């Protein structure tokens, strides 16, 4: 029954990854820059916010091709994490080969989607002498990425240790 413990830990990690990735996707704090004077700027995947003289003003970001790609990969990562949660829960309830296989594959896909999103965003975001830096939304995406990778490993290990029966070897 040790494999069930691994599945429960993987489910917990996937749940955390899902919450973290949803928060990361929705907050406007992927990048923080300090503009001339007392103005401060925060940018996320959907909004850009300016704080000037104590007043916060947020507007939608004009989308570029790379930002659309980042958004798409983050949303795909969230969907893949949800699929992995469902399949891993079914693996806990019924020992069928399909559930852990799809659970591990979708968790690995979520990991890959988050890696691609973070890589595109990190590669395209430029900070020319603005004092800008990556902020909490970006780092939360990295954290959900790592969490999905660990969950994938746990699902695969639990799958290997839960397998019973199979074909007999004929000498």
Protein backbone atom coordinates (compact mmCIF):
# COMPACT_ATOMS: atom_id res chain seq x y z
CA UNK A 1 0.00 0.00 0.00
CA UNK A 2 3.03 2.33 -0.09
CA UNK A 3 2.12 3.26 -3.67
CA UNK A 4 -1.11 4.86 -2.42
CA UNK A 5 0.92 7.18 -0.21
CA UNK A 6 2.90 8.29 -3.26
CA UNK A 7 -0.33 8.88 -5.18
CA UNK A 8 -1.74 10.97 -2.33
CA UNK A 9 1.45 13.06 -2.20
CA UNK A 10 1.30 13.47 -5.99
CA UNK A 11 -2.34 14.58 -5.72
CA UNK A 12 -1.37 17.13 -3.09
CA UNK A 13 1.45 18.43 -5.28
CA UNK A 14 -0.83 18.64 -8.32
CA UNK A 15 -3.42 20.52 -6.27
CA UNK A 16 -0.77 22.99 -5.12
CA UNK A 17 0.53 23.33 -8.70
CA UNK A 18 -2.99 24.03 -9.95
CA UNK A 19 -3.66 26.75 -7.39
CA UNK A 20 -0.23 28.31 -7.89
CA UNK A 21 -0.54 28.32 -11.67
CA UNK A 22 -4.02 29.89 -11.58
CA UNK A 23 -2.76 32.61 -9.24
CA UNK A 24 0.33 33.11 -11.41
CA UNK A 25 -1.80 33.43 -14.52
CA UNK A 26 -4.17 35.95 -13.02
CA UNK A 27 -1.96 38.39 -11.09
CA UNK A 28 -0.31 41.39 -12.79
CA UNK A 29 3.08 40.83 -11.18
CA UNK A 30 5.24 38.93 -13.66
CA UNK A 31 7.53 41.95 -14.06
CA UNK A 32 8.13 44.98 -11.86
CA UNK A 33 9.88 48.08 -13.13
CA UNK A 34 10.58 51.47 -11.63
CA UNK A 35 10.11 54.30 -14.08
CA UNK A 36 11.44 57.83 -13.94
CA UNK A 37 10.47 59.61 -10.76
CA UNK A 38 8.10 57.90 -8.35
CA UNK A 39 6.17 55.88 -10.92
CA UNK A 40 6.16 52.09 -10.60
CA UNK A 41 4.94 49.60 -13.23
CA UNK A 42 3.76 45.99 -12.85
CA UNK A 43 3.05 43.75 -15.79
CA UNK A 44 1.34 40.37 -15.91
CA UNK A 45 -0.02 38.21 -18.70
CA UNK A 46 -3.25 40.17 -19.04
CA UNK A 47 -2.79 43.61 -17.41
CA UNK A 48 -0.25 46.32 -16.90
CA UNK A 49 -0.59 48.47 -13.77
CA UNK A 50 0.92 51.88 -13.03
CA UNK A 51 1.26 53.38 -9.58
CA UNK A 52 1.80 57.09 -9.62
CA UNK A 53 1.33 59.42 -6.66
CA UNK A 54 -0.34 56.65 -4.65
CA UNK A 55 -2.95 55.90 -7.32
CA UNK A 56 -3.04 52.47 -9.03
CA UNK A 57 -4.27 52.35 -12.62
CA UNK A 58 -4.51 49.06 -14.56
CA UNK A 59 -5.20 48.54 -18.26
CA UNK A 60 -5.24 45.60 -20.64
CA UNK A 61 -1.96 44.75 -22.34
CA UNK A 62 -1.74 45.17 -26.09
CA UNK A 63 -0.89 41.63 -27.11
CA UNK A 64 2.11 40.67 -29.13
CA UNK A 65 2.76 37.26 -30.66
CA UNK A 66 5.08 36.04 -27.93
CA UNK A 67 2.73 37.14 -25.14
CA UNK A 68 -0.14 35.25 -26.79
CA UNK A 69 2.10 32.17 -26.88
CA UNK A 70 2.94 32.54 -23.17
CA UNK A 71 -0.75 32.89 -22.31
CA UNK A 72 -1.63 29.84 -24.39
CA UNK A 73 1.06 27.67 -22.79
CA UNK A 74 0.08 28.73 -19.27
CA UNK A 75 -3.58 27.95 -19.94
CA UNK A 76 -2.63 24.61 -21.52
CA UNK A 77 -0.51 23.86 -18.45
CA UNK A 78 -3.47 24.58 -16.18
CA UNK A 79 -5.76 22.32 -18.22
CA UNK A 80 -3.16 19.53 -18.29
CA UNK A 81 -2.76 19.83 -14.51
CA UNK A 82 -6.54 19.45 -14.10
CA UNK A 83 -6.54 16.35 -16.31
CA UNK A 84 -3.67 14.90 -14.31
CA UNK A 85 -5.54 15.55 -11.05
CA UNK A 86 -8.61 13.69 -12.33
CA UNK A 87 -6.66 10.75 -13.73
CA UNK A 88 -4.46 10.41 -10.65
CA UNK A 89 -7.55 10.45 -8.42
CA UNK A 90 -9.05 7.68 -10.55
CA UNK A 91 -5.77 5.75 -10.23
CA UNK A 92 -6.17 5.92 -6.46
CA UNK A 93 -9.70 4.53 -6.69
CA UNK A 94 -9.21 1.88 -9.39
CA UNK A 95 -6.02 0.16 -10.40
CA UNK A 96 -6.16 0.36 -14.16
CA UNK A 97 -3.21 0.98 -16.44
CA UNK A 98 -4.88 3.87 -18.26
CA UNK A 99 -5.29 6.17 -15.25
CA UNK A 100 -1.69 6.49 -14.08
CA UNK A 101 -0.42 6.54 -17.66
CA UNK A 102 -2.65 9.46 -18.62
CA UNK A 103 -2.10 11.11 -15.23
CA UNK A 104 1.68 10.99 -15.61
CA UNK A 105 1.54 12.03 -19.28
CA UNK A 106 -0.69 15.01 -18.57
CA UNK A 107 1.42 16.05 -15.57
CA UNK A 108 4.52 15.85 -17.76
CA UNK A 109 2.71 17.87 -20.44
CA UNK A 110 1.80 20.51 -17.83
CA UNK A 111 5.46 20.65 -16.81
CA UNK A 112 6.51 21.11 -20.44
CA UNK A 113 3.87 23.79 -21.09
CA UNK A 114 4.97 25.76 -18.02
CA UNK A 115 8.66 25.41 -19.00
CA UNK A 116 7.91 26.74 -22.49
CA UNK A 117 5.82 29.64 -21.12
CA UNK A 118 8.51 30.67 -18.63
CA UNK A 119 11.25 30.32 -21.25
CA UNK A 120 9.42 32.46 -23.82
CA UNK A 121 8.55 35.13 -21.27
CA UNK A 122 12.07 35.17 -19.84
CA UNK A 123 13.62 35.32 -23.30
CA UNK A 124 11.39 38.07 -24.65
CA UNK A 125 11.16 40.38 -21.65
CA UNK A 126 13.85 43.04 -21.83
CA UNK A 127 14.90 45.37 -19.02
CA UNK A 128 16.97 48.12 -20.65
CA UNK A 129 18.20 50.35 -17.80
CA UNK A 130 14.75 50.43 -16.18
CA UNK A 131 15.62 48.65 -12.97
CA UNK A 132 13.08 46.00 -13.91
CA UNK A 133 13.06 42.47 -12.63
CA UNK A 134 10.91 39.36 -12.68
CA UNK A 135 8.33 39.30 -9.95
CA UNK A 136 6.03 36.94 -8.06
CA UNK A 137 3.81 35.80 -10.96
CA UNK A 138 6.84 34.66 -12.94
CA UNK A 139 8.36 32.83 -9.99
CA UNK A 140 5.03 31.20 -9.14
CA UNK A 141 4.93 29.82 -12.70
CA UNK A 142 8.43 28.41 -12.17
CA UNK A 143 7.31 26.86 -8.87
CA UNK A 144 4.24 25.22 -10.42
CA UNK A 145 6.51 23.95 -13.18
CA UNK A 146 8.82 22.23 -10.66
CA UNK A 147 5.84 20.91 -8.67
CA UNK A 148 4.37 19.28 -11.80
CA UNK A 149 7.71 17.62 -12.54
CA UNK A 150 7.94 16.14 -9.04
CA UNK A 151 4.30 14.99 -9.25
CA UNK A 152 5.06 13.28 -12.56
CA UNK A 153 7.92 11.34 -11.00
CA UNK A 154 5.75 10.34 -8.03
CA UNK A 155 2.93 9.14 -10.30
CA UNK A 156 5.36 7.06 -12.36
CA UNK A 157 6.96 5.52 -9.26
CA UNK A 158 3.55 4.74 -7.74
CA UNK A 159 2.41 3.23 -11.03
CA UNK A 160 5.45 0.98 -11.20
CA UNK A 161 5.05 -0.18 -7.60
CA UNK A 162 1.27 -0.68 -7.87
CA UNK A 163 1.38 -2.95 -10.89
CA UNK A 164 0.40 -6.49 -10.12
CA UNK A 165 -0.18 -9.50 -12.22
CA UNK A 166 0.57 -9.26 -15.89
CA UNK A 167 1.81 -11.91 -18.18
CA UNK A 168 3.77 -14.89 -16.97
CA UNK A 169 7.16 -15.43 -18.49
CA UNK A 170 7.23 -18.59 -20.54
CA UNK A 171 10.58 -20.37 -20.37
